[in-house]
Amino acid sequence: MSGTFWSLVPAIVAIALALITKEVYSSLFIGILIGGVFYAVDAASGFSGFFTHVFSDGMISQLSDSWNVGILVFLVVLGTMVALMNKAGGSAAFGEWAGKHIKTKVGAQCATIFLGILIFIDDYFNCLTVGSVMKPVTEKYGVSREKLAYLIDATAAPICIIAPISSWAAAVAGFVSEGENGLALFCKAIPFNFYAFFTIIMMFAMVVMRFEYGTMARYENALDSSVAGKDIYSDFADVAKNPHGKEDNSVSAKGKVIDLVLPIILLIVFCVLGMIYTGGFFASGEDKANFVDAFANSDASVGLVLGSFAALVITVILFVARRVLSFKDCMGCIPDGFKAMVPAILILTLAWTLKAMTDSLGAAEYVAGLVDGSAAALKSFLPSIIFIIAAFLAFATGTSWGTFGILIPICIAVFPEAGDPLRIISISACMAGAVCGDHISPISDTTIMASAGAQCNHVNHVSTQLPYALSAAAVSFLTYVVAGFSQRLGILASGIISWVVGVILLCAFLLFMKKRVSVKRG
C-alpha cells in the first residue's frame, strides 16, 4: 500500500466522513486508524505495531515536535490575548466605535477584508486576530459566522502567499535549492499567483454586488429572514437573541478602543521582531543578517511564540498600570484563553497525526512521482497540471508548506534555467494550488484557525467555503492554461494576457451567478 493510491485513502476517508457526518473529531480519528492499519499490514508488525505507529510514531511524535509545540503555545498565548482584550472591555468599546462608523453589512464585511489584508505576517495570527476583532461588528449587521469564517480564511493564506514579508515567503524561500535567492524567486512568482489574487477580487466583488450562492446563501438568507436559531441554523441561536453577541458581566467598564488596538499593534510589532530575531537580524559579527535574509531564514514557530509572549507581558503591565484590570483578573484570562483554544488544538493534533500516517505511507512520494512522470511531457500544460496536483496534495494532506517542499524542487529540476518563463509560472502554480488545496481542506491548519477565529462550526465553514474556493480555482486553472501557452511571447506579455483573460472569466462568472441567484429568488 505504501507509495500507491492507497496511501491517500486515510485522508480521503477522513475528509469524506467529516463532510457527511459533520463531525470532525471522530472523522479524523477514523482516518488515523485506517492509516495505522495500512502501515501495520505493509510492515507486518501486527497489533502492537499498529498501536505503536498510531500513538507513539503518530500522535505523541507530532505533539513533541518543536515546530508543532511552538504553534500550540502561540495559540494559547493568542487565546489569552483575546480573553484579555475582551475582559478589559476593548472589544466592546471597538464594537461601539464601529457601530458609529460602520453603518452597513457591506461596510462590516469590507472592514473585515481590509483588516485581514493588513495582517499579512502569518496566517494563524491573521485568523485569530481578525476573528476576535470583527466578530462583534459582523454579528451586529447580520453577517453569519460562516461568512465571517470565509472572509477570514480567504484573507489569511492568500494574503500571506503574495506578501514578501511573511512566514509563508520565508517557508517558500527555504524550499529553493542552495545557490539561488529564494526570496527573489518568490517575488518574481507573485504576479502569477492567480488563485490568491482572484480569491481576494472575488471576495470584494461579492460583498459589493450583495449576493451569495451555494450553501453560504442558506446561512446568510437565514439571518436576513430573521429565522436564525431554528432548524436552518441552530448554532446562531444566541446571536438571534442578542445581535450584539453575549457580553460577560465581569467585563471592565473602563475599556476603550485603545485596549483592543494597542495589543494588536504590539502583537504585530513583536511577532515581526521575534521572526527576524530567529533569522539572525540581531546577531553580531559575521552571523548578522540583513532584514530580508533574516525574514527568509526565520523560524516562524519560535518567532511567533517570542513575539506573542512579549506582547502578552506588556499588555498585562499596561492594563494593570491603567487599572483597567487587576493582576488577578489578568491571570484569570490565561485558563480562559486556553479553554477557548481547546477545540482548535484538538483538531490540529488529530490533523497532524493524520498527516504523519499519510507521510509514513509515502503519499507525498506517490504524488511527486505522478508529477515527474506524466506532467513533464506536457510543457505548455505544465502550470495548469501542477496547479491541480498541488491543490489535490494540499487538500489530502492539509498542508501548503509540505506541498511546497515536494513540488517546488521538482519545478526547478524540470526547468533548470533561471530565465525560463515556464519556471516562474510553474512555481507560481505550485504555490497557488497549494493555497487552494489548503483553503478547501477540512484538515488544514488555516481552515481550522478560521473556524476558531469566527467561532463557527468547522464543518459548516468547510461546506460553505467550498463552492467559492472551487469557483476561484476553476478560473485560475483556465488562466494557467493561457499562461502556459502564452509564455512563448515572454514573461511580461504572458502575464498581461493571462491577467486580462482571467479577470474577464472571473467577472463573467460572477455576473452569471448573480443573475442566476436573482432568477432563483424571483
Protein backbone atom coordinates (compact mmCIF):
# COMPACT_ATOMS: atom_id res chain seq x y z
CA MET A 1 0.00 0.00 0.00
CA SER A 2 2.95 2.32 0.60
CA GLY A 3 3.72 4.65 -2.31
CA THR A 4 0.43 3.87 -4.09
CA PHE A 5 -3.03 5.42 -4.28
CA TRP A 6 -3.84 3.57 -1.03
CA SER A 7 -1.55 6.00 0.79
CA LEU A 8 -4.11 8.77 0.17
CA VAL A 9 -7.11 6.71 1.33
CA PRO A 10 -6.86 7.63 5.09
CA ALA A 11 -7.04 11.35 4.32
CA ILE A 12 -9.80 10.88 1.72
CA VAL A 13 -11.89 8.83 4.16
CA ALA A 14 -11.41 11.40 6.95
CA ILE A 15 -12.45 14.28 4.68
CA ALA A 16 -15.46 12.38 3.29
CA LEU A 17 -16.67 11.39 6.77
CA ALA A 18 -16.27 14.96 8.05
CA LEU A 19 -18.41 16.31 5.21
CA ILE A 20 -21.03 13.55 5.56
CA THR A 21 -21.33 13.31 9.36
CA LYS A 22 -20.49 16.98 10.08
CA GLU A 23 -18.37 15.73 13.00
CA VAL A 24 -14.66 16.34 12.57
CA TYR A 25 -13.07 14.69 15.64
CA SER A 26 -14.23 11.12 15.01
CA SER A 27 -13.72 11.50 11.26
CA LEU A 28 -10.07 12.45 11.69
CA PHE A 29 -9.52 9.68 14.22
CA ILE A 30 -11.01 7.05 11.89
CA GLY A 31 -8.68 8.27 9.14
CA ILE A 32 -5.75 7.91 11.56
CA LEU A 33 -6.80 4.35 12.45
CA ILE A 34 -7.05 3.39 8.77
CA GLY A 35 -3.57 4.79 8.17
CA GLY A 36 -2.26 2.80 11.12
CA VAL A 37 -3.85 -0.41 9.81
CA PHE A 38 -2.37 0.10 6.33
CA TYR A 39 1.09 0.73 7.79
CA ALA A 40 0.88 -2.33 10.07
CA VAL A 41 -0.18 -4.53 7.13
CA ASP A 42 2.72 -3.26 5.00
CA ALA A 43 5.25 -3.65 7.81
CA ALA A 44 3.71 -6.94 9.02
CA SER A 45 4.06 -5.55 12.55
CA GLY A 46 0.76 -6.88 13.88
CA PHE A 47 -1.49 -5.36 16.54
CA SER A 48 1.33 -3.97 18.69
CA GLY A 49 2.90 -2.33 15.64
CA PHE A 50 -0.44 -0.70 14.81
CA PHE A 51 -0.78 0.87 18.28
CA THR A 52 2.86 1.94 18.37
CA HIS A 53 2.62 3.62 14.98
CA VAL A 54 -0.66 5.44 15.69
CA PHE A 55 0.14 6.74 19.18
CA SER A 56 3.92 6.75 19.56
CA ASP A 57 5.09 7.42 15.99
CA GLY A 58 1.98 9.46 15.24
CA MET A 59 0.22 11.46 17.96
CA ILE A 60 2.97 11.64 20.58
CA SER A 61 5.65 12.31 17.97
CA GLN A 62 3.63 15.16 16.47
CA LEU A 63 2.88 16.71 19.86
CA SER A 64 6.57 16.58 20.79
CA ASP A 65 7.71 18.15 17.51
CA SER A 66 9.28 21.54 18.31
CA TRP A 67 7.51 23.32 15.42
CA ASN A 68 4.09 21.99 16.43
CA VAL A 69 4.67 22.76 20.11
CA GLY A 70 5.54 26.33 19.16
CA ILE A 71 2.30 26.68 17.21
CA LEU A 72 0.27 25.31 20.14
CA VAL A 73 1.96 27.69 22.61
CA PHE A 74 1.33 30.58 20.20
CA LEU A 75 -2.36 29.62 20.03
CA VAL A 76 -2.67 29.55 23.82
CA VAL A 77 -0.94 32.94 24.17
CA LEU A 78 -3.09 34.40 21.41
CA GLY A 79 -6.23 33.00 23.06
CA THR A 80 -5.11 34.64 26.31
CA MET A 81 -4.61 37.96 24.49
CA VAL A 82 -8.12 37.73 23.06
CA ALA A 83 -9.53 36.95 26.52
CA LEU A 84 -7.63 39.94 27.95
CA MET A 85 -8.94 42.31 25.28
CA ASN A 86 -12.50 41.09 25.89
CA LYS A 87 -12.18 41.25 29.69
CA ALA A 88 -10.71 44.75 29.53
CA GLY A 89 -13.69 45.92 27.50
CA GLY A 90 -11.61 46.67 24.42
CA SER A 91 -13.74 44.50 22.12
CA ALA A 92 -16.96 46.04 23.45
CA ALA A 93 -15.55 49.56 23.04
CA PHE A 94 -14.45 48.78 19.49
CA GLY A 95 -17.94 47.41 18.76
CA GLU A 96 -19.47 50.70 19.90
CA TRP A 97 -16.94 52.69 17.86
CA ALA A 98 -17.54 50.52 14.80
CA GLY A 99 -21.29 50.93 15.24
CA LYS A 100 -20.86 54.67 14.79
CA HIS A 101 -18.51 54.44 11.78
CA ILE A 102 -19.62 51.22 10.06
CA LYS A 103 -23.22 51.67 9.02
CA THR A 104 -23.98 48.70 6.76
CA LYS A 105 -23.47 44.98 6.31
CA VAL A 106 -21.28 45.72 3.27
CA GLY A 107 -19.12 48.04 5.37
CA ALA A 108 -18.68 45.41 8.09
CA GLN A 109 -17.54 42.81 5.54
CA CYS A 110 -15.20 45.24 3.76
CA ALA A 111 -13.66 46.24 7.10
CA THR A 112 -13.05 42.55 7.83
CA ILE A 113 -11.31 42.07 4.48
CA PHE A 114 -9.15 45.19 4.91
CA LEU A 115 -8.08 44.11 8.39
CA GLY A 116 -7.21 40.66 7.03
CA ILE A 117 -5.09 42.25 4.30
CA LEU A 118 -3.25 44.43 6.83
CA ILE A 119 -2.29 41.43 8.99
CA PHE A 120 -0.12 39.67 6.42
CA ILE A 121 2.66 38.45 8.72
CA ASP A 122 1.28 34.98 9.42
CA ASP A 123 -1.94 33.12 8.61
CA TYR A 124 -2.51 31.77 12.16
CA PHE A 125 -2.08 35.24 13.62
CA ASN A 126 -4.37 36.62 10.89
CA CYS A 127 -7.20 34.15 11.50
CA LEU A 128 -7.48 34.52 15.26
CA THR A 129 -6.87 38.28 15.42
CA VAL A 130 -9.33 39.22 12.66
CA GLY A 131 -11.94 36.87 14.10
CA SER A 132 -11.75 38.24 17.63
CA VAL A 133 -11.81 41.88 16.46
CA MET A 134 -14.52 41.70 13.80
CA LYS A 135 -16.93 39.10 15.22
CA PRO A 136 -18.94 41.59 17.34
CA VAL A 137 -19.19 44.01 14.39
CA THR A 138 -20.23 41.43 11.79
CA GLU A 139 -22.80 39.92 14.16
CA LYS A 140 -24.33 43.35 14.71
CA TYR A 141 -25.01 43.71 10.98
CA GLY A 142 -26.25 40.16 10.43
CA VAL A 143 -23.18 38.58 8.84
CA SER A 144 -23.27 34.85 9.56
CA ARG A 145 -20.39 33.13 11.30
CA GLU A 146 -19.91 31.07 8.15
CA LYS A 147 -19.43 34.18 6.02
CA LEU A 148 -17.06 35.67 8.61
CA ALA A 149 -15.03 32.44 8.64
CA TYR A 150 -14.82 32.56 4.83
CA LEU A 151 -13.65 36.19 4.85
CA ILE A 152 -11.02 35.33 7.48
CA ASP A 153 -9.82 32.21 5.66
CA ALA A 154 -9.71 33.92 2.27
CA THR A 155 -7.56 36.77 3.64
CA ALA A 156 -5.16 34.50 5.53
CA ALA A 157 -3.16 32.18 3.27
CA PRO A 158 -3.97 34.09 0.02
CA ILE A 159 -2.56 37.30 1.53
CA CYS A 160 0.48 35.60 3.10
CA ILE A 161 1.42 33.88 -0.18
CA ILE A 162 1.63 37.22 -2.06
CA ALA A 163 3.35 39.17 0.75
CA PRO A 164 7.18 39.16 0.52
CA ILE A 165 7.41 39.81 4.26
CA SER A 166 5.53 36.87 5.76
CA SER A 167 6.19 33.48 7.30
CA TRP A 168 4.98 31.90 4.04
CA ALA A 169 7.55 33.78 1.95
CA ALA A 170 10.22 32.55 4.35
CA ALA A 171 8.97 28.97 4.00
CA VAL A 172 8.91 29.05 0.19
CA ALA A 173 12.38 30.61 0.10
CA GLY A 174 13.62 27.79 2.30
CA PHE A 175 12.49 25.14 -0.21
CA VAL A 176 14.51 26.63 -3.08
CA SER A 177 17.79 24.91 -3.92
CA GLU A 178 21.03 26.22 -2.49
CA GLY A 179 22.80 28.86 -4.54
CA GLU A 180 19.58 30.65 -5.51
CA ASN A 181 17.90 33.63 -3.88
CA GLY A 182 14.67 32.01 -2.77
CA LEU A 183 13.01 35.27 -1.76
CA ALA A 184 13.80 36.85 -5.15
CA LEU A 185 12.24 33.86 -6.91
CA PHE A 186 9.20 34.15 -4.62
CA CYS A 187 8.80 37.84 -5.59
CA LYS A 188 9.02 37.03 -9.32
CA ALA A 189 6.25 34.46 -8.90
CA ILE A 190 3.83 36.81 -7.12
CA PRO A 191 2.16 38.29 -10.27
CA PHE A 192 1.27 34.77 -11.49
CA ASN A 193 -0.32 33.64 -8.22
CA PHE A 194 -3.76 33.79 -9.78
CA TYR A 195 -5.69 31.87 -7.14
CA ALA A 196 -4.66 34.24 -4.34
CA PHE A 197 -5.49 37.37 -6.34
CA PHE A 198 -8.75 36.01 -7.78
CA THR A 199 -9.91 34.93 -4.32
CA ILE A 200 -9.38 38.45 -2.97
CA ILE A 201 -11.04 40.08 -6.01
CA MET A 202 -13.95 37.65 -5.76
CA MET A 203 -14.46 38.47 -2.07
CA PHE A 204 -14.67 42.20 -2.69
CA ALA A 205 -16.89 41.75 -5.76
CA MET A 206 -19.42 39.53 -4.00
CA VAL A 207 -19.62 41.84 -0.98
CA VAL A 208 -20.23 44.88 -3.19
CA MET A 209 -22.61 43.01 -5.53
CA ARG A 210 -24.52 41.72 -2.47
CA PHE A 211 -25.22 38.14 -3.39
CA GLU A 212 -24.30 34.67 -2.18
CA TYR A 213 -24.63 31.25 -3.77
CA GLY A 214 -24.24 27.63 -2.74
CA THR A 215 -24.53 26.62 0.90
CA MET A 216 -23.43 30.08 2.08
CA ALA A 217 -26.68 31.61 0.78
CA ARG A 218 -28.62 29.38 3.15
CA TYR A 219 -26.98 30.84 6.24
CA GLU A 220 -26.89 34.44 5.02
CA ASN A 221 -30.54 34.32 3.93
CA ALA A 222 -31.47 32.74 7.25
CA LEU A 223 -30.15 35.77 9.10
CA ASP A 224 -31.68 38.20 6.62
CA SER A 225 -35.06 36.50 7.13
CA SER A 226 -34.72 36.57 10.93
CA VAL A 227 -35.17 32.82 11.14
CA ALA A 228 -31.75 32.13 12.64
CA GLY A 229 -31.77 29.72 15.53
CA LYS A 230 -34.40 27.45 14.02
CA ASP A 231 -33.83 24.27 12.04
CA ILE A 232 -31.77 26.10 9.44
CA TYR A 233 -29.13 27.45 11.78
CA SER A 234 -29.17 26.26 15.36
CA ASP A 235 -25.61 27.43 16.02
CA PHE A 236 -26.65 31.07 15.67
CA ALA A 237 -29.44 30.94 18.24
CA ASP A 238 -27.54 33.06 20.77
CA VAL A 239 -26.94 35.76 18.15
CA ALA A 240 -30.61 35.77 17.18
CA LYS A 241 -31.47 36.53 20.81
CA ASN A 242 -28.69 39.09 21.20
CA PRO A 243 -27.47 40.55 17.88
CA HIS A 244 -24.53 42.25 19.58
CA GLY A 245 -23.26 38.96 20.97
CA LYS A 246 -23.20 37.73 24.55
CA GLU A 247 -21.47 40.03 26.97
CA ASP A 248 -19.69 38.91 30.12
CA ASN A 249 -20.97 40.72 33.20
CA SER A 250 -17.41 40.91 34.53
CA VAL A 251 -16.15 42.96 31.57
CA SER A 252 -14.37 46.13 32.68
CA ALA A 253 -16.34 49.35 32.33
CA LYS A 254 -13.10 51.29 31.83
CA GLY A 255 -12.35 49.70 28.47
CA LYS A 256 -11.52 51.89 25.47
CA VAL A 257 -10.81 51.22 21.80
CA ILE A 258 -7.08 51.56 22.55
CA ASP A 259 -7.38 48.46 24.76
CA LEU A 260 -8.08 46.47 21.60
CA VAL A 261 -5.92 48.35 19.10
CA LEU A 262 -2.75 48.60 21.19
CA PRO A 263 -2.45 44.85 21.97
CA ILE A 264 -2.90 44.06 18.27
CA ILE A 265 -0.19 46.57 17.31
CA LEU A 266 2.08 45.08 19.96
CA LEU A 267 1.42 41.60 18.57
CA ILE A 268 2.29 42.64 15.03
CA VAL A 269 5.44 44.53 16.01
CA PHE A 270 6.79 41.90 18.40
CA CYS A 271 5.92 38.98 16.11
CA VAL A 272 7.94 40.62 13.32
CA LEU A 273 10.79 41.28 15.75
CA GLY A 274 10.59 37.70 17.02
CA MET A 275 10.79 36.28 13.50
CA ILE A 276 13.78 38.39 12.39
CA TYR A 277 15.46 37.61 15.72
CA THR A 278 15.32 33.88 14.93
CA GLY A 279 16.73 34.68 11.48
CA GLY A 280 19.85 36.34 12.90
CA PHE A 281 18.98 40.03 12.46
CA PHE A 282 20.19 40.91 15.96
CA ALA A 283 23.28 38.69 15.83
CA SER A 284 26.75 40.21 15.86
CA GLY A 285 29.71 39.88 13.54
CA GLU A 286 29.56 37.57 10.54
CA ASP A 287 26.39 35.88 11.80
CA LYS A 288 24.36 39.10 11.48
CA ALA A 289 21.81 39.01 8.62
CA ASN A 290 20.03 41.89 6.89
CA PHE A 291 16.25 42.27 7.30
CA VAL A 292 15.32 40.36 4.13
CA ASP A 293 17.68 37.44 4.80
CA ALA A 294 16.66 37.33 8.46
CA PHE A 295 12.99 37.05 7.49
CA ALA A 296 13.76 34.43 4.85
CA ASN A 297 15.75 32.32 7.34
CA SER A 298 13.43 32.84 10.31
CA ASP A 299 11.83 30.12 12.39
CA ALA A 300 8.19 31.24 12.31
CA SER A 301 7.11 28.90 15.11
CA VAL A 302 9.70 30.19 17.61
CA GLY A 303 9.42 33.79 16.41
CA LEU A 304 5.65 33.88 16.89
CA VAL A 305 5.97 32.45 20.40
CA LEU A 306 8.60 35.02 21.39
CA GLY A 307 6.66 37.90 19.86
CA SER A 308 3.26 36.93 21.25
CA PHE A 309 4.66 36.30 24.75
CA ALA A 310 6.39 39.71 24.79
CA ALA A 311 3.15 41.37 23.64
CA LEU A 312 1.21 39.49 26.36
CA VAL A 313 3.55 40.63 29.15
CA ILE A 314 3.46 44.28 28.06
CA THR A 315 -0.35 44.17 27.65
CA VAL A 316 -0.77 42.84 31.20
CA ILE A 317 1.54 45.55 32.56
CA LEU A 318 -0.39 48.29 30.72
CA PHE A 319 -3.80 47.02 31.83
CA VAL A 320 -2.70 46.75 35.48
CA ALA A 321 -0.93 50.14 35.44
CA ARG A 322 -4.02 51.85 34.00
CA ARG A 323 -6.24 49.91 36.44
CA VAL A 324 -8.36 48.61 33.61
CA LEU A 325 -7.95 45.11 35.07
CA SER A 326 -6.45 43.80 38.29
CA PHE A 327 -3.47 41.46 38.14
CA LYS A 328 -5.70 38.63 39.38
CA ASP A 329 -8.18 39.22 36.53
CA CYS A 330 -5.33 39.23 34.01
CA MET A 331 -4.05 35.89 35.31
CA GLY A 332 -7.60 34.52 35.17
CA CYS A 333 -7.58 35.14 31.42
CA ILE A 334 -4.81 32.55 30.91
CA PRO A 335 -7.02 29.47 31.54
CA ASP A 336 -9.89 31.22 29.72
CA GLY A 337 -7.71 31.67 26.65
CA PHE A 338 -6.57 28.06 26.83
CA LYS A 339 -10.16 26.81 27.10
CA ALA A 340 -11.16 28.84 24.03
CA MET A 341 -8.39 27.19 22.00
CA VAL A 342 -9.03 23.57 23.12
CA PRO A 343 -11.24 22.66 20.10
CA ALA A 344 -8.70 24.09 17.65
CA ILE A 345 -5.79 22.40 19.46
CA LEU A 346 -7.60 19.04 19.40
CA ILE A 347 -8.38 19.28 15.68
CA LEU A 348 -4.80 20.38 14.93
CA THR A 349 -3.40 17.45 16.90
CA LEU A 350 -5.58 14.96 15.04
CA ALA A 351 -4.81 16.61 11.67
CA TRP A 352 -1.05 16.46 12.33
CA THR A 353 -1.35 12.80 13.32
CA LEU A 354 -3.29 12.01 10.14
CA LYS A 355 -0.57 13.73 8.12
CA ALA A 356 2.03 11.56 9.88
CA MET A 357 0.05 8.47 8.80
CA THR A 358 -0.07 9.53 5.13
CA ASP A 359 3.61 10.54 5.22
CA SER A 360 4.59 7.12 6.56
CA LEU A 361 2.65 5.50 3.70
CA GLY A 362 4.58 7.55 1.10
CA ALA A 363 1.67 9.72 -0.09
CA ALA A 364 3.99 12.62 -0.92
CA GLU A 365 6.35 10.44 -2.96
CA TYR A 366 3.40 8.91 -4.83
CA VAL A 367 2.08 12.32 -5.91
CA ALA A 368 5.60 13.55 -6.73
CA GLY A 369 6.08 10.54 -8.99
CA LEU A 370 2.87 11.38 -10.85
CA VAL A 371 4.13 14.91 -11.49
CA ASP A 372 7.63 13.88 -12.53
CA GLY A 373 6.47 11.04 -14.74
CA SER A 374 3.49 12.39 -16.65
CA ALA A 375 3.33 16.18 -16.39
CA ALA A 376 6.84 16.92 -17.68
CA ALA A 377 5.89 15.69 -21.14
CA LEU A 378 3.18 18.36 -21.49
CA LYS A 379 5.21 21.53 -21.08
CA SER A 380 2.60 24.07 -22.12
CA PHE A 381 0.03 22.44 -19.88
CA LEU A 382 2.50 22.03 -17.04
CA PRO A 383 1.42 25.10 -14.99
CA SER A 384 -2.24 24.05 -15.01
CA ILE A 385 -1.34 20.41 -14.26
CA ILE A 386 0.92 21.44 -11.36
CA PHE A 387 -1.88 23.69 -10.03
CA ILE A 388 -4.30 20.75 -9.93
CA ILE A 389 -1.80 18.31 -8.41
CA ALA A 390 -0.67 20.84 -5.77
CA ALA A 391 -4.30 21.56 -4.88
CA PHE A 392 -5.08 17.84 -4.57
CA LEU A 393 -1.98 17.13 -2.48
CA ALA A 394 -2.62 20.06 -0.12
CA PHE A 395 -6.29 19.07 0.14
CA ALA A 396 -5.47 15.45 1.02
CA THR A 397 -2.66 16.24 3.47
CA GLY A 398 -3.96 19.56 4.85
CA THR A 399 -0.63 21.35 4.43
CA SER A 400 0.52 24.00 1.98
CA TRP A 401 4.08 24.08 3.22
CA GLY A 402 4.52 20.34 2.80
CA THR A 403 3.27 20.71 -0.78
CA PHE A 404 5.80 23.48 -1.39
CA GLY A 405 8.58 21.22 -0.17
CA ILE A 406 7.54 18.42 -2.52
CA LEU A 407 6.72 20.25 -5.76
CA ILE A 408 8.95 23.36 -5.84
CA PRO A 409 12.19 21.33 -6.14
CA ILE A 410 10.53 19.31 -8.93
CA CYS A 411 9.58 22.51 -10.81
CA ILE A 412 13.16 23.77 -10.50
CA ALA A 413 14.52 20.42 -11.71
CA VAL A 414 12.16 20.31 -14.72
CA PHE A 415 13.07 23.91 -15.68
CA PRO A 416 16.68 24.46 -14.53
CA GLU A 417 17.25 27.70 -16.49
CA ALA A 418 16.62 30.77 -14.33
CA GLY A 419 15.32 32.84 -17.27
CA ASP A 420 12.72 30.29 -18.44
CA PRO A 421 9.23 31.87 -18.13
CA LEU A 422 7.66 28.44 -17.55
CA ARG A 423 9.83 28.03 -14.47
CA ILE A 424 8.37 31.10 -12.77
CA ILE A 425 4.81 30.33 -13.91
CA SER A 426 5.07 26.70 -12.73
CA ILE A 427 6.39 27.70 -9.30
CA SER A 428 3.53 30.22 -9.04
CA ALA A 429 1.08 27.47 -10.00
CA CYS A 430 2.55 25.24 -7.30
CA MET A 431 2.10 27.93 -4.64
CA ALA A 432 -1.39 28.84 -5.86
CA GLY A 433 -2.51 25.21 -5.99
CA ALA A 434 -1.14 24.55 -2.52
CA VAL A 435 -3.04 27.54 -1.12
CA CYS A 436 -6.20 26.39 -2.94
CA GLY A 437 -5.97 22.86 -1.53
CA ASP A 438 -5.19 24.23 1.93
CA HIS A 439 -8.17 26.59 1.59
CA ILE A 440 -10.72 23.82 0.93
CA SER A 441 -9.29 21.07 3.15
CA PRO A 442 -11.14 20.29 6.40
CA ILE A 443 -7.88 19.12 7.98
CA SER A 444 -5.88 22.25 7.08
CA ASP A 445 -4.39 24.25 9.97
CA THR A 446 -5.54 27.54 8.46
CA THR A 447 -9.10 26.31 7.85
CA ILE A 448 -9.27 25.14 11.47
CA MET A 449 -7.94 28.50 12.69
CA ALA A 450 -10.52 30.39 10.60
CA SER A 451 -13.32 28.36 12.18
CA ALA A 452 -11.87 29.03 15.64
CA GLY A 453 -11.49 32.76 14.93
CA ALA A 454 -15.12 33.11 13.81
CA GLN A 455 -16.36 30.64 16.47
CA CYS A 456 -18.06 28.81 13.63
CA ASN A 457 -18.89 25.11 13.34
CA HIS A 458 -15.89 23.72 11.46
CA VAL A 459 -17.80 21.51 9.01
CA ASN A 460 -20.22 24.37 8.28
CA HIS A 461 -17.25 26.56 7.40
CA VAL A 462 -15.78 23.95 5.07
CA SER A 463 -19.07 23.25 3.27
CA THR A 464 -19.98 26.93 2.78
CA GLN A 465 -16.50 27.93 1.63
CA LEU A 466 -16.11 25.06 -0.84
CA PRO A 467 -18.23 26.46 -3.73
CA TYR A 468 -16.46 29.84 -3.58
CA ALA A 469 -12.98 28.32 -3.43
CA LEU A 470 -13.72 25.90 -6.29
CA SER A 471 -15.05 28.78 -8.42
CA ALA A 472 -11.82 30.75 -7.97
CA ALA A 473 -9.84 27.54 -8.59
CA ALA A 474 -11.65 26.84 -11.89
CA VAL A 475 -10.92 30.36 -13.18
CA SER A 476 -7.30 30.05 -12.01
CA PHE A 477 -6.88 26.69 -13.79
CA LEU A 478 -8.05 28.15 -17.11
CA THR A 479 -5.79 31.17 -16.58
CA TYR A 480 -2.78 28.88 -16.07
CA VAL A 481 -3.63 27.13 -19.35
CA VAL A 482 -3.47 30.54 -21.06
CA ALA A 483 -0.22 31.40 -19.24
CA GLY A 484 1.36 28.12 -20.29
CA PHE A 485 0.74 28.72 -23.98
CA SER A 486 1.38 32.49 -23.98
CA GLN A 487 4.77 32.17 -22.21
CA ARG A 488 6.43 31.87 -25.65
CA LEU A 489 5.77 35.60 -26.07
CA GLY A 490 7.84 36.42 -22.97
CA ILE A 491 7.12 36.66 -19.27
CA LEU A 492 5.67 40.20 -19.42
CA ALA A 493 3.35 39.53 -22.36
CA SER A 494 2.26 36.24 -20.82
CA GLY A 495 1.42 37.99 -17.56
CA ILE A 496 -0.65 40.69 -19.25
CA ILE A 497 -2.56 38.25 -21.49
CA SER A 498 -3.21 35.84 -18.61
CA TRP A 499 -4.46 38.58 -16.31
CA VAL A 500 -6.81 40.03 -18.94
CA VAL A 501 -8.28 36.61 -19.73
CA GLY A 502 -8.54 35.64 -16.05
CA VAL A 503 -10.28 38.84 -14.96
CA ILE A 504 -12.75 38.60 -17.86
CA LEU A 505 -13.55 34.98 -16.94
CA LEU A 506 -13.99 35.87 -13.25
CA CYS A 507 -16.25 38.86 -14.00
CA ALA A 508 -18.34 36.83 -16.43
CA PHE A 509 -18.76 34.06 -13.88
CA LEU A 510 -19.80 36.44 -11.09
CA LEU A 511 -22.33 38.24 -13.33
CA PHE A 512 -23.76 34.89 -14.44
CA MET A 513 -24.08 33.67 -10.84
CA LYS A 514 -25.70 36.89 -9.67
CA LYS A 515 -28.25 36.70 -12.48
CA ARG A 516 -28.89 33.05 -11.69
CA VAL A 517 -29.41 33.81 -7.98
CA SER A 518 -31.77 36.70 -8.86
CA VAL A 519 -33.84 34.47 -11.15
CA LYS A 520 -33.95 31.75 -8.49
CA ARG A 521 -35.18 34.22 -5.86
CA GLY A 522 -37.72 35.67 -8.27
